[in-house]
Amino acid sequence: MLRAPLTPRRVLVVDDSKAQRKVLSLSLMRWGYQVMEAGTGEEALEMCRRTDFDIVLSDWVMPGISGLDFCKAFRALPHERYGYFILLTSKSEKGEVALGLDVGADDFLTKPVNADELHARLRAGERILGMHRELMEKNRLIGSTLGELQKLYDSLDRDLIEARKLQQTLARDRHRDFGRGTASILLRPSGHVGGDLVGFFEISARRVALYSVDVSGHGVASAMMTARLAGLLSGASPDQNIALTGGVEGARDAWPPEMVAARFNRMMLEDMQVEQYFTMAYAEVDLETGRVQLVQAGHPHPMVIRAAGGVEQIGHGGLPIGLLPNVAFERIEARLHPGDRLFLVSDGVTECPALDGGEFGSEGLERFLRRNADTEAQALLEALVWELNGHTGGADFPDDVSGVLFHYRG
């Protein structure tokens, strides 16, 4: 039901006949409207520049500016509120009516004006003005709400930018020389913060650990999980590192890779009890012998790039960590010879989509590594990013792109 306006509607009556104006004005005031009069279109237009009228009743045929031209000029005025415009005319041809509607008239009344018909047309105009008022109020509320949401978004965006800076510090060392080998990492989150984690740490003077982790999902929850996992794989805090254990006379030692995966699996299911899971490739390299022991837990196949240019996939897949209890993870062994490289990557590389929907795939990665077998480690990682960018046609990566590349000198 249309609510009555809190204040009387302002109505402007425009007619070059003073008698006609008075007849209309008396009826309008009797119905509760606030009425003003104008004898010409020029006078009416000047009044409309100073006052917002809710309803205008204007004769069509007047000396000077006609009612049609006045209507067009009225619509061009910068008013915030909508004005309901009724043309008073003796014209009834369809073409004339269409012309009036085209310049902005809302309704027509045939002269001489019938009071009952005028009252009915005004009630119709009231309904239109009421709906317009409600629409304006809803738009104002929507605008206010959007403004508040924008403030929240800007605040969240600033927090996520800071979070990304902090997350980047989880992989502080992008390159490290261990004497008989070097390790380099690639980490490109697809959004502000990501769920990938890559890195390395020293077990002892002759043993190095490498890891590539991909937490399920995206966003803040995944980023918080990677931060937790980074602390559990930190070489700077060996007492908190889940892979390390004390050896003889306190010498640093490490659990075998399959035990590291099993410990993580038990922690996720029994201690953390979260909905997330993660995939991982974790490898231990003996710097003296080149012996590699690794575990592949649902992660893409590790790649061995031979010094002669060949590329080999190793591993058998395995289950992700945090899905099922009592999973037996398999230890995989390989050997690196001087000049060989071991590459652990996330599925953001192998599942990177092309414009036609095809994935980069393990085969695409193999082809890339063969072409770039002689490229220096950090340059190779940058070249991989360019290769993936070309594969997507320049589109943003839908998933984090990460990897750790170990070059064995022997």
Protein backbone atom coordinates (compact mmCIF):
# COMPACT_ATOMS: atom_id res chain seq x y z
CA MET A 1 0.00 0.00 0.00
CA LEU A 2 1.35 3.44 -0.97
CA ARG A 3 2.21 5.53 2.06
CA ALA A 4 1.09 9.16 2.16
CA PRO A 5 3.93 11.67 1.83
CA LEU A 6 5.12 13.28 5.07
CA THR A 7 4.86 16.75 3.51
CA PRO A 8 2.41 18.01 0.86
CA ARG A 9 3.50 17.46 -2.73
CA ARG A 10 4.58 20.59 -4.54
CA VAL A 11 2.63 21.09 -7.78
CA LEU A 12 3.31 23.65 -10.48
CA VAL A 13 0.39 24.64 -12.74
CA VAL A 14 1.47 26.22 -16.04
CA ASP A 15 -1.13 27.80 -18.34
CA ASP A 16 -1.39 31.12 -20.18
CA SER A 17 -5.05 31.28 -19.08
CA LYS A 18 -5.34 32.73 -15.60
CA ALA A 19 -8.87 31.38 -15.21
CA GLN A 20 -7.77 27.84 -16.13
CA ARG A 21 -4.89 28.06 -13.64
CA LYS A 22 -7.25 29.11 -10.84
CA VAL A 23 -9.69 26.28 -11.53
CA LEU A 24 -6.91 23.71 -11.40
CA SER A 25 -5.22 25.31 -8.36
CA LEU A 26 -8.40 25.32 -6.27
CA SER A 27 -8.99 21.63 -6.92
CA LEU A 28 -5.36 20.79 -6.13
CA MET A 29 -5.34 22.75 -2.87
CA ARG A 30 -8.60 21.11 -1.84
CA TRP A 31 -6.88 17.72 -2.27
CA GLY A 32 -4.01 18.80 -0.03
CA TYR A 33 -1.34 19.82 -2.55
CA GLN A 34 0.96 22.83 -2.23
CA VAL A 35 0.39 24.78 -5.47
CA MET A 36 2.32 27.41 -7.39
CA GLU A 37 1.37 28.96 -10.74
CA ALA A 38 3.19 30.18 -13.87
CA GLY A 39 1.67 31.97 -16.88
CA THR A 40 4.37 31.12 -19.42
CA GLY A 41 6.85 28.38 -20.15
CA GLU A 42 9.75 30.78 -19.55
CA GLU A 43 8.43 31.71 -16.11
CA ALA A 44 7.78 28.06 -15.25
CA LEU A 45 11.29 27.03 -16.28
CA GLU A 46 12.84 29.72 -14.09
CA MET A 47 10.75 28.55 -11.12
CA CYS A 48 11.82 24.96 -11.73
CA ARG A 49 15.46 26.01 -11.57
CA ARG A 50 14.89 27.27 -8.02
CA THR A 51 12.40 24.69 -6.73
CA ASP A 52 12.00 20.94 -7.03
CA PHE A 53 8.37 20.29 -7.97
CA ASP A 54 6.92 16.85 -7.47
CA ILE A 55 4.23 17.25 -10.13
CA VAL A 56 3.90 19.64 -13.09
CA LEU A 57 0.64 20.30 -14.94
CA SER A 58 1.40 22.21 -18.13
CA ASP A 59 -0.69 23.34 -21.06
CA TRP A 60 0.67 22.19 -24.42
CA VAL A 61 -0.14 25.29 -26.49
CA MET A 62 1.28 28.48 -24.99
CA PRO A 63 2.93 31.61 -26.44
CA GLY A 64 6.74 31.55 -26.34
CA ILE A 65 7.98 28.22 -25.02
CA SER A 66 5.36 25.56 -25.69
CA GLY A 67 4.46 22.91 -23.15
CA LEU A 68 6.39 20.37 -25.24
CA ASP A 69 9.59 22.45 -25.21
CA PHE A 70 9.13 23.23 -21.53
CA CYS A 71 8.84 19.50 -20.78
CA LYS A 72 12.08 18.80 -22.66
CA ALA A 73 13.87 21.61 -20.78
CA PHE A 74 12.39 20.43 -17.46
CA ARG A 75 13.81 16.94 -17.95
CA ALA A 76 17.24 18.43 -18.64
CA LEU A 77 17.38 20.22 -15.27
CA PRO A 78 19.75 18.68 -12.66
CA HIS A 79 17.13 17.63 -10.11
CA GLU A 80 17.77 14.88 -7.60
CA ARG A 81 14.11 13.92 -7.30
CA TYR A 82 11.87 12.79 -10.12
CA GLY A 83 9.13 15.18 -11.28
CA TYR A 84 5.88 13.75 -12.66
CA PHE A 85 4.89 15.71 -15.78
CA ILE A 86 1.30 15.87 -17.12
CA LEU A 87 0.58 17.65 -20.39
CA LEU A 88 -2.81 19.32 -20.77
CA THR A 89 -3.88 19.29 -24.39
CA SER A 90 -6.70 19.15 -26.85
CA LYS A 91 -4.47 17.04 -29.14
CA SER A 92 -5.48 13.41 -29.35
CA GLU A 93 -3.65 12.17 -32.44
CA LYS A 94 -1.37 9.21 -31.74
CA GLY A 95 1.58 10.94 -33.34
CA GLU A 96 1.21 13.96 -31.05
CA VAL A 97 0.91 11.74 -27.98
CA ALA A 98 3.99 9.77 -29.01
CA LEU A 99 5.92 13.03 -29.45
CA GLY A 100 4.98 14.13 -25.94
CA LEU A 101 6.07 10.82 -24.44
CA ASP A 102 9.31 11.00 -26.38
CA VAL A 103 10.34 14.32 -24.80
CA GLY A 104 9.57 13.10 -21.28
CA ALA A 105 5.86 13.56 -20.47
CA ASP A 106 4.43 10.94 -18.11
CA ASP A 107 0.72 11.42 -18.79
CA PHE A 108 -1.84 13.44 -20.74
CA LEU A 109 -5.16 15.08 -19.88
CA THR A 110 -7.60 16.37 -22.44
CA LYS A 111 -8.92 19.90 -21.99
CA PRO A 112 -11.29 20.87 -20.55
CA VAL A 113 -9.97 18.92 -17.58
CA ASN A 114 -12.40 16.68 -15.70
CA ALA A 115 -11.77 16.92 -11.94
CA ASP A 116 -12.35 13.22 -11.25
CA GLU A 117 -10.03 12.19 -14.07
CA LEU A 118 -7.39 14.66 -12.86
CA HIS A 119 -7.62 13.24 -9.34
CA ALA A 120 -7.21 9.70 -10.66
CA ARG A 121 -4.17 10.69 -12.77
CA LEU A 122 -2.61 12.41 -9.76
CA ARG A 123 -3.04 9.27 -7.64
CA ALA A 124 -1.26 7.31 -10.39
CA GLY A 125 1.52 9.90 -10.32
CA GLU A 126 1.69 9.58 -6.52
CA ARG A 127 2.29 5.86 -6.86
CA ILE A 128 5.10 6.45 -9.35
CA LEU A 129 6.69 9.10 -7.10
CA GLY A 130 6.36 6.80 -4.08
CA MET A 131 8.06 3.93 -5.87
CA HIS A 132 10.77 6.28 -7.09
CA ARG A 133 11.33 7.57 -3.55
CA GLU A 134 11.62 4.02 -2.22
CA LEU A 135 13.98 3.09 -5.04
CA MET A 136 16.16 6.12 -4.28
CA GLU A 137 16.27 5.15 -0.61
CA LYS A 138 17.21 1.58 -1.44
CA ASN A 139 19.89 2.81 -3.82
CA ARG A 140 21.20 5.07 -1.07
CA LEU A 141 21.32 2.14 1.34
CA ILE A 142 23.03 -0.03 -1.30
CA GLY A 143 25.55 2.73 -1.95
CA SER A 144 26.21 3.09 1.77
CA THR A 145 26.58 -0.68 2.15
CA LEU A 146 28.92 -0.89 -0.83
CA GLY A 147 30.97 1.90 0.70
CA GLU A 148 31.30 -0.04 3.95
CA LEU A 149 32.15 -3.22 2.03
CA GLN A 150 34.79 -1.33 0.07
CA LYS A 151 36.36 -0.15 3.33
CA LEU A 152 36.39 -3.72 4.61
CA TYR A 153 37.83 -4.97 1.32
CA ASP A 154 40.55 -2.30 1.36
CA SER A 155 41.43 -3.24 4.94
CA LEU A 156 41.50 -6.96 4.08
CA ASP A 157 43.53 -6.23 0.95
CA ARG A 158 46.13 -4.35 3.00
CA ASP A 159 46.26 -7.23 5.49
CA LEU A 160 46.68 -9.78 2.70
CA ILE A 161 49.49 -7.74 1.16
CA GLU A 162 51.27 -7.75 4.51
CA ALA A 163 50.53 -11.47 4.88
CA ARG A 164 52.12 -12.12 1.50
CA LYS A 165 55.24 -10.27 2.58
CA LEU A 166 55.38 -12.39 5.71
CA GLN A 167 54.75 -15.57 3.74
CA GLN A 168 57.61 -14.75 1.40
CA THR A 169 59.91 -14.69 4.42
CA LEU A 170 59.09 -18.37 5.03
CA ALA A 171 61.40 -19.07 2.10
CA ARG A 172 64.06 -16.56 3.10
CA ASP A 173 66.93 -18.24 1.24
CA ARG A 174 66.14 -18.48 -2.47
CA HIS A 175 69.55 -19.97 -3.25
CA ARG A 176 72.15 -21.72 -1.11
CA ASP A 177 75.49 -23.28 -1.80
CA PHE A 178 76.21 -26.42 0.22
CA GLY A 179 79.67 -26.92 -1.29
CA ARG A 180 79.02 -30.15 -3.15
CA GLY A 181 75.62 -28.95 -4.33
CA THR A 182 73.36 -25.92 -4.61
CA ALA A 183 69.63 -25.51 -3.99
CA SER A 184 67.39 -22.87 -5.62
CA ILE A 185 63.69 -22.31 -5.09
CA LEU A 186 60.78 -20.89 -7.09
CA LEU A 187 57.66 -19.57 -5.35
CA ARG A 188 54.94 -17.62 -7.20
CA PRO A 189 51.61 -17.45 -5.30
CA SER A 190 48.56 -17.18 -7.56
CA GLY A 191 46.89 -14.67 -5.20
CA HIS A 192 47.89 -12.48 -2.30
CA VAL A 193 48.76 -15.53 -0.25
CA GLY A 194 49.17 -19.14 -1.32
CA GLY A 195 49.27 -22.69 -0.09
CA ASP A 196 52.63 -23.77 -1.53
CA LEU A 197 55.81 -24.15 0.50
CA VAL A 198 59.26 -25.04 -0.82
CA GLY A 199 62.63 -25.04 0.84
CA PHE A 200 65.67 -26.92 2.09
CA PHE A 201 67.69 -27.38 5.24
CA GLU A 202 70.96 -28.97 6.29
CA ILE A 203 70.74 -32.23 8.19
CA SER A 204 74.47 -32.56 8.68
CA ALA A 205 77.67 -31.58 6.92
CA ARG A 206 77.08 -34.25 4.25
CA ARG A 207 73.26 -34.46 4.09
CA VAL A 208 70.69 -31.99 2.77
CA ALA A 209 66.88 -32.16 2.85
CA LEU A 210 64.64 -30.66 0.15
CA TYR A 211 60.87 -30.31 0.26
CA SER A 212 57.95 -29.17 -1.88
CA VAL A 213 54.54 -28.90 -0.19
CA ASP A 214 51.11 -27.99 -1.57
CA VAL A 215 48.31 -27.39 0.96
CA SER A 216 44.75 -27.98 -0.25
CA GLY A 217 42.67 -24.91 -1.04
CA HIS A 218 43.70 -21.30 -1.39
CA GLY A 219 43.70 -18.15 0.65
CA VAL A 220 44.27 -17.38 4.31
CA ALA A 221 43.56 -20.86 5.72
CA SER A 222 46.07 -22.48 3.35
CA ALA A 223 48.61 -19.75 4.06
CA MET A 224 48.28 -20.31 7.81
CA MET A 225 48.86 -24.03 7.31
CA THR A 226 52.00 -23.38 5.22
CA ALA A 227 53.28 -21.10 8.00
CA ARG A 228 52.78 -23.93 10.48
CA LEU A 229 54.50 -26.44 8.20
CA ALA A 230 57.36 -24.02 7.56
CA GLY A 231 58.10 -24.01 11.29
CA LEU A 232 58.09 -27.80 11.31
CA LEU A 233 60.61 -27.95 8.45
CA SER A 234 62.86 -25.14 9.59
CA GLY A 235 66.61 -25.57 9.56
CA ALA A 236 66.93 -22.54 11.84
CA SER A 237 64.97 -24.31 14.62
CA PRO A 238 66.19 -27.92 14.56
CA ASP A 239 64.54 -28.71 17.88
CA GLN A 240 61.13 -28.02 16.29
CA ASN A 241 61.87 -29.67 12.93
CA ILE A 242 59.67 -32.76 12.58
CA ALA A 243 62.21 -34.40 10.24
CA LEU A 244 65.21 -34.13 12.58
CA THR A 245 66.18 -36.34 15.48
CA GLY A 246 69.15 -36.47 17.83
CA GLY A 247 71.87 -38.89 16.84
CA VAL A 248 74.84 -40.43 18.60
CA GLU A 249 76.31 -38.06 21.20
CA GLY A 250 73.78 -35.43 20.19
CA ALA A 251 74.84 -35.23 16.52
CA ARG A 252 72.03 -34.10 14.27
CA ASP A 253 70.26 -36.86 12.36
CA ALA A 254 66.96 -37.22 10.48
CA TRP A 255 64.06 -39.61 10.15
CA PRO A 256 63.89 -41.47 6.81
CA PRO A 257 61.65 -39.66 4.28
CA GLU A 258 58.81 -42.18 4.61
CA MET A 259 58.84 -41.66 8.39
CA VAL A 260 58.72 -37.89 7.93
CA ALA A 261 55.57 -38.32 5.83
CA ALA A 262 54.07 -40.72 8.38
CA ARG A 263 54.77 -38.28 11.25
CA PHE A 264 53.11 -35.47 9.33
CA ASN A 265 50.12 -37.70 8.56
CA ARG A 266 49.66 -38.61 12.22
CA MET A 267 50.01 -34.97 13.27
CA MET A 268 47.37 -33.81 10.77
CA LEU A 269 44.83 -36.45 11.77
CA GLU A 270 45.43 -36.71 15.52
CA ASP A 271 46.81 -33.37 16.66
CA MET A 272 45.61 -30.69 14.25
CA GLN A 273 42.30 -32.31 13.21
CA VAL A 274 41.61 -29.84 10.40
CA GLU A 275 39.74 -30.31 7.13
CA GLN A 276 42.86 -29.59 5.10
CA TYR A 277 45.40 -32.00 3.69
CA PHE A 278 48.56 -31.50 1.69
CA THR A 279 50.75 -33.20 -0.88
CA MET A 280 54.49 -33.35 -0.48
CA ALA A 281 57.72 -34.45 -2.09
CA TYR A 282 60.49 -34.70 0.50
CA ALA A 283 64.01 -35.76 -0.42
CA GLU A 284 67.28 -36.32 1.41
CA VAL A 285 70.53 -36.04 -0.59
CA ASP A 286 73.92 -37.39 0.50
CA LEU A 287 76.43 -34.83 -0.73
CA GLU A 288 79.31 -37.31 -0.77
CA THR A 289 77.70 -40.20 -2.61
CA GLY A 290 74.84 -38.53 -4.49
CA ARG A 291 72.39 -41.02 -2.97
CA VAL A 292 68.82 -39.72 -2.89
CA GLN A 293 66.07 -41.01 -0.60
CA LEU A 294 62.66 -39.45 -1.09
CA VAL A 295 58.96 -39.85 -0.46
CA GLN A 296 56.21 -38.78 -2.86
CA ALA A 297 52.89 -38.16 -1.11
CA GLY A 298 50.35 -37.26 -3.78
CA HIS A 299 52.76 -34.73 -5.28
CA PRO A 300 53.84 -34.51 -8.95
CA HIS A 301 56.69 -36.83 -9.90
CA PRO A 302 60.15 -35.50 -9.00
CA MET A 303 62.40 -35.06 -12.04
CA VAL A 304 66.06 -35.99 -12.36
CA ILE A 305 67.86 -33.95 -15.03
CA ARG A 306 70.98 -35.81 -16.06
CA ALA A 307 74.17 -33.97 -16.93
CA ALA A 308 74.00 -35.50 -20.41
CA GLY A 309 70.57 -33.89 -21.01
CA GLY A 310 68.20 -36.77 -20.28
CA VAL A 311 65.22 -36.33 -17.94
CA GLU A 312 63.78 -39.08 -15.71
CA GLN A 313 60.59 -39.15 -13.66
CA ILE A 314 60.87 -40.95 -10.34
CA GLY A 315 58.31 -41.96 -7.74
CA HIS A 316 55.01 -43.78 -7.77
CA GLY A 317 52.52 -41.16 -6.64
CA GLY A 318 51.38 -42.07 -3.15
CA LEU A 319 48.54 -40.70 -1.02
CA PRO A 320 48.35 -37.10 0.21
CA ILE A 321 49.06 -36.36 3.86
CA GLY A 322 46.12 -35.89 6.21
CA LEU A 323 43.47 -37.90 4.35
CA LEU A 324 43.64 -41.41 5.85
CA PRO A 325 45.13 -42.88 9.03
CA ASN A 326 47.84 -45.54 9.13
CA VAL A 327 49.06 -44.92 5.59
CA ALA A 328 52.31 -46.71 4.64
CA PHE A 329 54.44 -44.29 2.66
CA GLU A 330 57.05 -45.74 0.30
CA ARG A 331 60.70 -44.77 0.26
CA ILE A 332 62.11 -44.17 -3.24
CA GLU A 333 65.83 -44.19 -3.95
CA ALA A 334 67.88 -42.72 -6.78
CA ARG A 335 71.41 -41.56 -7.35
CA LEU A 336 72.75 -38.29 -8.63
CA HIS A 337 76.04 -38.08 -10.49
CA PRO A 338 78.14 -34.94 -10.79
CA GLY A 339 76.25 -32.41 -12.89
CA ASP A 340 72.84 -34.04 -12.32
CA ARG A 341 69.91 -32.07 -10.89
CA LEU A 342 66.85 -33.03 -8.85
CA PHE A 343 63.68 -30.98 -9.36
CA LEU A 344 60.65 -31.07 -7.03
CA VAL A 345 57.63 -29.08 -8.31
CA SER A 346 54.02 -28.45 -7.27
CA ASP A 347 50.99 -29.27 -9.41
CA GLY A 348 50.69 -25.55 -10.17
CA VAL A 349 53.36 -26.35 -12.78
CA THR A 350 52.11 -29.64 -14.18
CA GLU A 351 48.41 -28.66 -14.09
CA CYS A 352 48.91 -25.16 -15.46
CA PRO A 353 46.10 -24.80 -18.07
CA ALA A 354 46.33 -23.54 -21.63
CA LEU A 355 43.65 -21.41 -23.27
CA ASP A 356 42.19 -24.56 -24.85
CA GLY A 357 42.02 -26.28 -21.47
CA GLY A 358 45.01 -28.58 -21.96
CA GLU A 359 47.45 -28.90 -19.05
CA PHE A 360 51.20 -28.30 -19.20
CA GLY A 361 51.63 -31.82 -17.80
CA SER A 362 54.65 -33.86 -16.76
CA GLU A 363 55.43 -34.34 -20.44
CA GLY A 364 55.50 -30.59 -21.02
CA LEU A 365 57.81 -30.17 -18.05
CA GLU A 366 60.10 -32.92 -19.37
CA ARG A 367 60.33 -31.25 -22.78
CA PHE A 368 61.10 -27.90 -21.17
CA LEU A 369 63.83 -29.40 -18.97
CA ARG A 370 65.47 -31.15 -21.92
CA ARG A 371 65.58 -27.88 -23.87
CA ASN A 372 67.06 -26.06 -20.89
CA ALA A 373 69.30 -28.79 -19.49
CA ASP A 374 72.38 -26.54 -19.64
CA THR A 375 70.69 -23.45 -18.18
CA GLU A 376 71.94 -22.19 -14.82
CA ALA A 377 69.56 -23.03 -11.94
CA GLN A 378 68.02 -19.66 -11.13
CA ALA A 379 67.78 -18.73 -14.81
CA LEU A 380 66.06 -22.07 -15.49
CA LEU A 381 63.43 -21.35 -12.84
CA GLU A 382 62.72 -17.91 -14.34
CA ALA A 383 62.54 -19.46 -17.80
CA LEU A 384 59.97 -21.94 -16.47
CA VAL A 385 57.76 -19.09 -15.29
CA TRP A 386 57.97 -17.51 -18.76
CA GLU A 387 57.17 -20.89 -20.35
CA LEU A 388 54.06 -21.29 -18.18
CA ASN A 389 53.03 -17.71 -18.87
CA GLY A 390 53.18 -18.43 -22.59
CA HIS A 391 51.25 -21.65 -22.07
CA THR A 392 48.37 -19.76 -20.42
CA GLY A 393 48.38 -17.06 -23.09
CA GLY A 394 49.43 -14.45 -20.54
CA ALA A 395 46.57 -15.18 -18.13
CA ASP A 396 47.11 -15.24 -14.38
CA PHE A 397 48.18 -18.57 -12.93
CA PRO A 398 45.14 -20.26 -11.33
CA ASP A 399 47.34 -22.04 -8.79
CA ASP A 400 50.59 -21.37 -6.97
CA VAL A 401 53.70 -22.20 -8.98
CA SER A 402 56.61 -23.50 -6.92
CA GLY A 403 59.60 -25.81 -6.98
CA VAL A 404 63.03 -26.53 -5.55
CA LEU A 405 65.95 -27.38 -7.85
CA PHE A 406 69.04 -29.12 -6.47
CA HIS A 407 72.26 -29.18 -8.53
CA TYR A 408 74.68 -31.90 -7.47
CA ARG A 409 78.36 -31.12 -8.02
CA GLY A 410 79.76 -34.27 -6.42
